[in-house]
ModelCIF file with pLDDT and N, C-alpha, C, O atoms, coordinates in Angstrom:
data_MODEL
#
_entry.id   MODEL 
#
_entity.id                         1 
_entity.type                       polymer 
_entity.pdbx_number_of_molecules   1 
#
_entity_poly.entity_id                      1 
_entity_poly.type                           'polypeptide(L)' 
_entity_poly.nstd_linkage                   no 
_entity_poly.nstd_monomer                   no 
_entity_poly.pdbx_seq_one_letter_code       MKSASVIACILYFPMLIFSGATLPFEVMPVAMQ 
_entity_poly.pdbx_seq_one_letter_code_can   MKSASVIACILYFPMLIFSGATLPFEVMPVAMQ 
_entity_poly.pdbx_strand_id                 A 
#
loop_
_entity_poly_seq.entity_id 
_entity_poly_seq.num 
_entity_poly_seq.mon_id 
_entity_poly_seq.hetero 
1 1  MET n 
1 2  LYS n 
1 3  SER n 
1 4  ALA n 
1 5  SER n 
1 6  VAL n 
1 7  ILE n 
1 8  ALA n 
1 9  CYS n 
1 10 ILE n 
1 11 LEU n 
1 12 TYR n 
1 13 PHE n 
1 14 PRO n 
1 15 MET n 
1 16 LEU n 
1 17 ILE n 
1 18 PHE n 
1 19 SER n 
1 20 GLY n 
1 21 ALA n 
1 22 THR n 
1 23 LEU n 
1 24 PRO n 
1 25 PHE n 
1 26 GLU n 
1 27 VAL n 
1 28 MET n 
1 29 PRO n 
1 30 VAL n 
1 31 ALA n 
1 32 MET n 
1 33 GLN n 
#
_struct_asym.id          A 
_struct_asym.entity_id   1 
#
loop_
_ma_qa_metric.id 
_ma_qa_metric.mode 
_ma_qa_metric.name 
_ma_qa_metric.software_group_id 
_ma_qa_metric.type 
1 global pLDDT . pLDDT 
2 local  pLDDT . pLDDT 
#
_ma_qa_metric_global.metric_id      1 
_ma_qa_metric_global.metric_value   80.85 
_ma_qa_metric_global.model_id       1 
_ma_qa_metric_global.ordinal_id     1 
#
loop_
_ma_qa_metric_local.label_asym_id 
_ma_qa_metric_local.label_comp_id 
_ma_qa_metric_local.label_seq_id 
_ma_qa_metric_local.metric_id 
_ma_qa_metric_local.metric_value 
_ma_qa_metric_local.model_id 
_ma_qa_metric_local.ordinal_id 
A MET 1  2 85.00 1 1  
A LYS 2  2 86.00 1 2  
A SER 3  2 88.00 1 3  
A ALA 4  2 86.00 1 4  
A SER 5  2 87.00 1 5  
A VAL 6  2 89.00 1 6  
A ILE 7  2 88.00 1 7  
A ALA 8  2 86.00 1 8  
A CYS 9  2 86.00 1 9  
A ILE 10 2 88.00 1 10 
A LEU 11 2 86.00 1 11 
A TYR 12 2 85.00 1 12 
A PHE 13 2 84.00 1 13 
A PRO 14 2 83.00 1 14 
A MET 15 2 83.00 1 15 
A LEU 16 2 81.00 1 16 
A ILE 17 2 81.00 1 17 
A PHE 18 2 80.00 1 18 
A SER 19 2 79.00 1 19 
A GLY 20 2 76.00 1 20 
A ALA 21 2 76.00 1 21 
A THR 22 2 74.00 1 22 
A LEU 23 2 72.00 1 23 
A PRO 24 2 71.00 1 24 
A PHE 25 2 74.00 1 25 
A GLU 26 2 71.00 1 26 
A VAL 27 2 71.00 1 27 
A MET 28 2 76.00 1 28 
A PRO 29 2 79.00 1 29 
A VAL 30 2 80.00 1 30 
A ALA 31 2 80.00 1 31 
A MET 32 2 80.00 1 32 
A GLN 33 2 77.00 1 33 
#
loop_
_atom_site.group_PDB 
_atom_site.id 
_atom_site.type_symbol 
_atom_site.label_atom_id 
_atom_site.label_alt_id 
_atom_site.label_comp_id 
_atom_site.label_asym_id 
_atom_site.label_entity_id 
_atom_site.label_seq_id 
_atom_site.pdbx_PDB_ins_code 
_atom_site.Cartn_x 
_atom_site.Cartn_y 
_atom_site.Cartn_z 
_atom_site.occupancy 
_atom_site.B_iso_or_equiv 
_atom_site.pdbx_formal_charge 
_atom_site.auth_seq_id 
_atom_site.auth_comp_id 
_atom_site.auth_asym_id 
_atom_site.auth_atom_id 
_atom_site.pdbx_PDB_model_num 
ATOM 1   N N  . MET A 1 1  ? 122.392 164.817 123.061 1.00 85.00 ? 1  MET A N  1 
ATOM 2   C CA . MET A 1 1  ? 121.943 164.666 124.441 1.00 85.00 ? 1  MET A CA 1 
ATOM 3   C C  . MET A 1 1  ? 121.458 165.899 125.285 1.00 85.00 ? 1  MET A C  1 
ATOM 4   O O  . MET A 1 1  ? 120.550 165.898 126.116 1.00 85.00 ? 1  MET A O  1 
ATOM 5   N N  . LYS A 1 2  ? 122.261 166.963 124.895 1.00 86.00 ? 2  LYS A N  1 
ATOM 6   C CA . LYS A 1 2  ? 121.920 168.350 125.587 1.00 86.00 ? 2  LYS A CA 1 
ATOM 7   C C  . LYS A 1 2  ? 120.608 168.711 125.204 1.00 86.00 ? 2  LYS A C  1 
ATOM 8   O O  . LYS A 1 2  ? 119.829 168.950 126.127 1.00 86.00 ? 2  LYS A O  1 
ATOM 9   N N  . SER A 1 3  ? 120.153 168.811 123.927 1.00 88.00 ? 3  SER A N  1 
ATOM 10  C CA . SER A 1 3  ? 118.762 169.101 123.567 1.00 88.00 ? 3  SER A CA 1 
ATOM 11  C C  . SER A 1 3  ? 117.794 168.296 124.045 1.00 88.00 ? 3  SER A C  1 
ATOM 12  O O  . SER A 1 3  ? 116.713 168.760 124.407 1.00 88.00 ? 3  SER A O  1 
ATOM 13  N N  . ALA A 1 4  ? 118.104 166.891 124.101 1.00 86.00 ? 4  ALA A N  1 
ATOM 14  C CA . ALA A 1 4  ? 117.094 165.924 124.586 1.00 86.00 ? 4  ALA A CA 1 
ATOM 15  C C  . ALA A 1 4  ? 116.943 166.163 126.214 1.00 86.00 ? 4  ALA A C  1 
ATOM 16  O O  . ALA A 1 4  ? 115.841 166.094 126.759 1.00 86.00 ? 4  ALA A O  1 
ATOM 17  N N  . SER A 1 5  ? 117.972 166.405 126.822 1.00 87.00 ? 5  SER A N  1 
ATOM 18  C CA . SER A 1 5  ? 117.960 166.746 128.164 1.00 87.00 ? 5  SER A CA 1 
ATOM 19  C C  . SER A 1 5  ? 117.144 167.986 128.595 1.00 87.00 ? 5  SER A C  1 
ATOM 20  O O  . SER A 1 5  ? 116.501 167.934 129.644 1.00 87.00 ? 5  SER A O  1 
ATOM 21  N N  . VAL A 1 6  ? 117.144 169.043 127.867 1.00 89.00 ? 6  VAL A N  1 
ATOM 22  C CA . VAL A 1 6  ? 116.462 170.168 127.941 1.00 89.00 ? 6  VAL A CA 1 
ATOM 23  C C  . VAL A 1 6  ? 114.995 170.061 127.778 1.00 89.00 ? 6  VAL A C  1 
ATOM 24  O O  . VAL A 1 6  ? 114.197 170.623 128.529 1.00 89.00 ? 6  VAL A O  1 
ATOM 25  N N  . ILE A 1 7  ? 114.642 169.257 126.685 1.00 88.00 ? 7  ILE A N  1 
ATOM 26  C CA . ILE A 1 7  ? 113.211 168.861 126.433 1.00 88.00 ? 7  ILE A CA 1 
ATOM 27  C C  . ILE A 1 7  ? 112.591 167.955 127.502 1.00 88.00 ? 7  ILE A C  1 
ATOM 28  O O  . ILE A 1 7  ? 111.460 168.107 127.965 1.00 88.00 ? 7  ILE A O  1 
ATOM 29  N N  . ALA A 1 8  ? 113.523 166.928 127.864 1.00 86.00 ? 8  ALA A N  1 
ATOM 30  C CA . ALA A 1 8  ? 113.065 165.988 128.949 1.00 86.00 ? 8  ALA A CA 1 
ATOM 31  C C  . ALA A 1 8  ? 112.759 166.711 130.240 1.00 86.00 ? 8  ALA A C  1 
ATOM 32  O O  . ALA A 1 8  ? 111.743 166.393 130.858 1.00 86.00 ? 8  ALA A O  1 
ATOM 33  N N  . CYS A 1 9  ? 113.575 167.677 130.703 1.00 86.00 ? 9  CYS A N  1 
ATOM 34  C CA . CYS A 1 9  ? 113.268 168.356 131.857 1.00 86.00 ? 9  CYS A CA 1 
ATOM 35  C C  . CYS A 1 9  ? 112.018 169.262 131.742 1.00 86.00 ? 9  CYS A C  1 
ATOM 36  O O  . CYS A 1 9  ? 111.266 169.362 132.711 1.00 86.00 ? 9  CYS A O  1 
ATOM 37  N N  . ILE A 1 10 ? 111.778 169.908 130.618 1.00 88.00 ? 10 ILE A N  1 
ATOM 38  C CA . ILE A 1 10 ? 110.718 170.665 130.359 1.00 88.00 ? 10 ILE A CA 1 
ATOM 39  C C  . ILE A 1 10 ? 109.456 169.839 130.525 1.00 88.00 ? 10 ILE A C  1 
ATOM 40  O O  . ILE A 1 10 ? 108.441 170.350 130.998 1.00 88.00 ? 10 ILE A O  1 
ATOM 41  N N  . LEU A 1 11 ? 109.506 168.498 130.120 1.00 86.00 ? 11 LEU A N  1 
ATOM 42  C CA . LEU A 1 11 ? 108.271 167.653 130.177 1.00 86.00 ? 11 LEU A CA 1 
ATOM 43  C C  . LEU A 1 11 ? 108.163 167.063 131.601 1.00 86.00 ? 11 LEU A C  1 
ATOM 44  O O  . LEU A 1 11 ? 107.127 167.041 132.267 1.00 86.00 ? 11 LEU A O  1 
ATOM 45  N N  . TYR A 1 12 ? 109.434 166.560 132.001 1.00 85.00 ? 12 TYR A N  1 
ATOM 46  C CA . TYR A 1 12 ? 109.395 165.734 133.341 1.00 85.00 ? 12 TYR A CA 1 
ATOM 47  C C  . TYR A 1 12 ? 108.793 166.503 134.513 1.00 85.00 ? 12 TYR A C  1 
ATOM 48  O O  . TYR A 1 12 ? 107.823 166.102 135.157 1.00 85.00 ? 12 TYR A O  1 
ATOM 49  N N  . PHE A 1 13 ? 109.475 167.684 134.743 1.00 84.00 ? 13 PHE A N  1 
ATOM 50  C CA . PHE A 1 13 ? 109.176 168.363 136.111 1.00 84.00 ? 13 PHE A CA 1 
ATOM 51  C C  . PHE A 1 13 ? 107.720 168.747 136.178 1.00 84.00 ? 13 PHE A C  1 
ATOM 52  O O  . PHE A 1 13 ? 107.028 168.479 137.160 1.00 84.00 ? 13 PHE A O  1 
ATOM 53  N N  . PRO A 1 14 ? 107.250 169.405 135.067 1.00 83.00 ? 14 PRO A N  1 
ATOM 54  C CA . PRO A 1 14 ? 105.733 169.891 135.235 1.00 83.00 ? 14 PRO A CA 1 
ATOM 55  C C  . PRO A 1 14 ? 104.836 168.763 135.461 1.00 83.00 ? 14 PRO A C  1 
ATOM 56  O O  . PRO A 1 14 ? 103.902 168.854 136.258 1.00 83.00 ? 14 PRO A O  1 
ATOM 57  N N  . MET A 1 15 ? 105.120 167.528 134.684 1.00 83.00 ? 15 MET A N  1 
ATOM 58  C CA . MET A 1 15 ? 104.229 166.352 134.664 1.00 83.00 ? 15 MET A CA 1 
ATOM 59  C C  . MET A 1 15 ? 104.304 165.761 136.147 1.00 83.00 ? 15 MET A C  1 
ATOM 60  O O  . MET A 1 15 ? 103.294 165.449 136.778 1.00 83.00 ? 15 MET A O  1 
ATOM 61  N N  . LEU A 1 16 ? 105.487 165.652 136.592 1.00 81.00 ? 16 LEU A N  1 
ATOM 62  C CA . LEU A 1 16 ? 105.800 165.009 137.964 1.00 81.00 ? 16 LEU A CA 1 
ATOM 63  C C  . LEU A 1 16 ? 105.084 165.861 139.008 1.00 81.00 ? 16 LEU A C  1 
ATOM 64  O O  . LEU A 1 16 ? 104.390 165.315 139.866 1.00 81.00 ? 16 LEU A O  1 
ATOM 65  N N  . ILE A 1 17 ? 105.227 167.113 138.961 1.00 81.00 ? 17 ILE A N  1 
ATOM 66  C CA . ILE A 1 17 ? 104.748 167.908 140.027 1.00 81.00 ? 17 ILE A CA 1 
ATOM 67  C C  . ILE A 1 17 ? 103.242 168.130 139.933 1.00 81.00 ? 17 ILE A C  1 
ATOM 68  O O  . ILE A 1 17 ? 102.534 167.993 140.931 1.00 81.00 ? 17 ILE A O  1 
ATOM 69  N N  . PHE A 1 18 ? 102.763 168.456 138.791 1.00 80.00 ? 18 PHE A N  1 
ATOM 70  C CA . PHE A 1 18 ? 101.414 169.004 138.515 1.00 80.00 ? 18 PHE A CA 1 
ATOM 71  C C  . PHE A 1 18 ? 100.330 168.068 138.136 1.00 80.00 ? 18 PHE A C  1 
ATOM 72  O O  . PHE A 1 18 ? 99.137  168.363 138.211 1.00 80.00 ? 18 PHE A O  1 
ATOM 73  N N  . SER A 1 19 ? 100.859 166.750 137.664 1.00 79.00 ? 19 SER A N  1 
ATOM 74  C CA . SER A 1 19 ? 99.961  165.834 137.063 1.00 79.00 ? 19 SER A CA 1 
ATOM 75  C C  . SER A 1 19 ? 99.126  165.096 138.225 1.00 79.00 ? 19 SER A C  1 
ATOM 76  O O  . SER A 1 19 ? 98.122  164.465 137.897 1.00 79.00 ? 19 SER A O  1 
ATOM 77  N N  . GLY A 1 20 ? 99.457  165.150 139.370 1.00 76.00 ? 20 GLY A N  1 
ATOM 78  C CA . GLY A 1 20 ? 98.876  164.415 140.544 1.00 76.00 ? 20 GLY A CA 1 
ATOM 79  C C  . GLY A 1 20 ? 99.865  163.403 140.950 1.00 76.00 ? 20 GLY A C  1 
ATOM 80  O O  . GLY A 1 20 ? 99.562  162.636 141.864 1.00 76.00 ? 20 GLY A O  1 
ATOM 81  N N  . ALA A 1 21 ? 101.040 163.310 140.362 1.00 76.00 ? 21 ALA A N  1 
ATOM 82  C CA . ALA A 1 21 ? 102.021 162.055 140.733 1.00 76.00 ? 21 ALA A CA 1 
ATOM 83  C C  . ALA A 1 21 ? 102.593 162.368 142.139 1.00 76.00 ? 21 ALA A C  1 
ATOM 84  O O  . ALA A 1 21 ? 102.830 161.438 142.910 1.00 76.00 ? 21 ALA A O  1 
ATOM 85  N N  . THR A 1 22 ? 102.834 163.734 142.512 1.00 74.00 ? 22 THR A N  1 
ATOM 86  C CA . THR A 1 22 ? 103.332 164.106 143.802 1.00 74.00 ? 22 THR A CA 1 
ATOM 87  C C  . THR A 1 22 ? 102.349 164.882 144.568 1.00 74.00 ? 22 THR A C  1 
ATOM 88  O O  . THR A 1 22 ? 101.885 164.465 145.629 1.00 74.00 ? 22 THR A O  1 
ATOM 89  N N  . LEU A 1 23 ? 101.968 166.214 143.944 1.00 72.00 ? 23 LEU A N  1 
ATOM 90  C CA . LEU A 1 23 ? 100.946 166.910 144.640 1.00 72.00 ? 23 LEU A CA 1 
ATOM 91  C C  . LEU A 1 23 ? 99.563  166.487 144.275 1.00 72.00 ? 23 LEU A C  1 
ATOM 92  O O  . LEU A 1 23 ? 99.279  166.376 143.082 1.00 72.00 ? 23 LEU A O  1 
ATOM 93  N N  . PRO A 1 24 ? 98.705  166.248 145.178 1.00 71.00 ? 24 PRO A N  1 
ATOM 94  C CA . PRO A 1 24 ? 97.315  165.894 144.910 1.00 71.00 ? 24 PRO A CA 1 
ATOM 95  C C  . PRO A 1 24 ? 96.604  166.796 143.861 1.00 71.00 ? 24 PRO A C  1 
ATOM 96  O O  . PRO A 1 24 ? 96.675  168.017 144.002 1.00 71.00 ? 24 PRO A O  1 
ATOM 97  N N  . PHE A 1 25 ? 95.961  166.289 142.874 1.00 74.00 ? 25 PHE A N  1 
ATOM 98  C CA . PHE A 1 25 ? 95.257  167.076 141.853 1.00 74.00 ? 25 PHE A CA 1 
ATOM 99  C C  . PHE A 1 25 ? 94.105  167.837 142.633 1.00 74.00 ? 25 PHE A C  1 
ATOM 100 O O  . PHE A 1 25 ? 93.781  168.955 142.234 1.00 74.00 ? 25 PHE A O  1 
ATOM 101 N N  . GLU A 1 26 ? 93.550  167.340 143.597 1.00 71.00 ? 26 GLU A N  1 
ATOM 102 C CA . GLU A 1 26 ? 92.263  167.965 144.136 1.00 71.00 ? 26 GLU A CA 1 
ATOM 103 C C  . GLU A 1 26 ? 92.600  169.226 144.890 1.00 71.00 ? 26 GLU A C  1 
ATOM 104 O O  . GLU A 1 26 ? 91.693  169.997 145.206 1.00 71.00 ? 26 GLU A O  1 
ATOM 105 N N  . VAL A 1 27 ? 93.930  169.491 145.213 1.00 71.00 ? 27 VAL A N  1 
ATOM 106 C CA . VAL A 1 27 ? 94.270  170.585 146.124 1.00 71.00 ? 27 VAL A CA 1 
ATOM 107 C C  . VAL A 1 27 ? 94.712  171.805 145.360 1.00 71.00 ? 27 VAL A C  1 
ATOM 108 O O  . VAL A 1 27 ? 94.922  172.892 145.898 1.00 71.00 ? 27 VAL A O  1 
ATOM 109 N N  . MET A 1 28 ? 94.846  171.550 144.017 1.00 76.00 ? 28 MET A N  1 
ATOM 110 C CA . MET A 1 28 ? 95.140  172.596 142.997 1.00 76.00 ? 28 MET A CA 1 
ATOM 111 C C  . MET A 1 28 ? 94.163  173.586 142.664 1.00 76.00 ? 28 MET A C  1 
ATOM 112 O O  . MET A 1 28 ? 93.001  173.180 142.624 1.00 76.00 ? 28 MET A O  1 
ATOM 113 N N  . PRO A 1 29 ? 94.376  174.825 142.409 1.00 79.00 ? 29 PRO A N  1 
ATOM 114 C CA . PRO A 1 29 ? 93.299  175.813 142.070 1.00 79.00 ? 29 PRO A CA 1 
ATOM 115 C C  . PRO A 1 29 ? 92.616  175.458 140.790 1.00 79.00 ? 29 PRO A C  1 
ATOM 116 O O  . PRO A 1 29 ? 93.303  175.081 139.840 1.00 79.00 ? 29 PRO A O  1 
ATOM 117 N N  . VAL A 1 30 ? 91.322  175.548 140.691 1.00 80.00 ? 30 VAL A N  1 
ATOM 118 C CA . VAL A 1 30 ? 90.546  175.101 139.557 1.00 80.00 ? 30 VAL A CA 1 
ATOM 119 C C  . VAL A 1 30 ? 91.042  175.601 138.149 1.00 80.00 ? 30 VAL A C  1 
ATOM 120 O O  . VAL A 1 30 ? 90.872  174.927 137.133 1.00 80.00 ? 30 VAL A O  1 
ATOM 121 N N  . ALA A 1 31 ? 91.625  176.742 138.154 1.00 80.00 ? 31 ALA A N  1 
ATOM 122 C CA . ALA A 1 31 ? 92.265  177.181 136.879 1.00 80.00 ? 31 ALA A CA 1 
ATOM 123 C C  . ALA A 1 31 ? 93.412  176.457 136.411 1.00 80.00 ? 31 ALA A C  1 
ATOM 124 O O  . ALA A 1 31 ? 93.628  176.220 135.222 1.00 80.00 ? 31 ALA A O  1 
ATOM 125 N N  . MET A 1 32 ? 94.211  176.078 137.458 1.00 80.00 ? 32 MET A N  1 
ATOM 126 C CA . MET A 1 32 ? 95.345  175.127 137.120 1.00 80.00 ? 32 MET A CA 1 
ATOM 127 C C  . MET A 1 32 ? 94.902  173.850 136.766 1.00 80.00 ? 32 MET A C  1 
ATOM 128 O O  . MET A 1 32 ? 95.563  173.232 135.933 1.00 80.00 ? 32 MET A O  1 
ATOM 129 N N  . GLN A 1 33 ? 93.811  173.300 137.292 1.00 77.00 ? 33 GLN A N  1 
ATOM 130 C CA . GLN A 1 33 ? 93.405  172.045 136.988 1.00 77.00 ? 33 GLN A CA 1 
ATOM 131 C C  . GLN A 1 33 ? 92.942  171.861 135.644 1.00 77.00 ? 33 GLN A C  1 
ATOM 132 O O  . GLN A 1 33 ? 92.551  170.755 135.272 1.00 77.00 ? 33 GLN A O  1 
#
């Protein structure tokens, strides 16, 4: 569970924050997009 939790956090937070699910995709810098 510990290794799964680490991998899940590494995947979850970047996708949740930067995929457009929370912050609008359009306001992000072009390089980040």
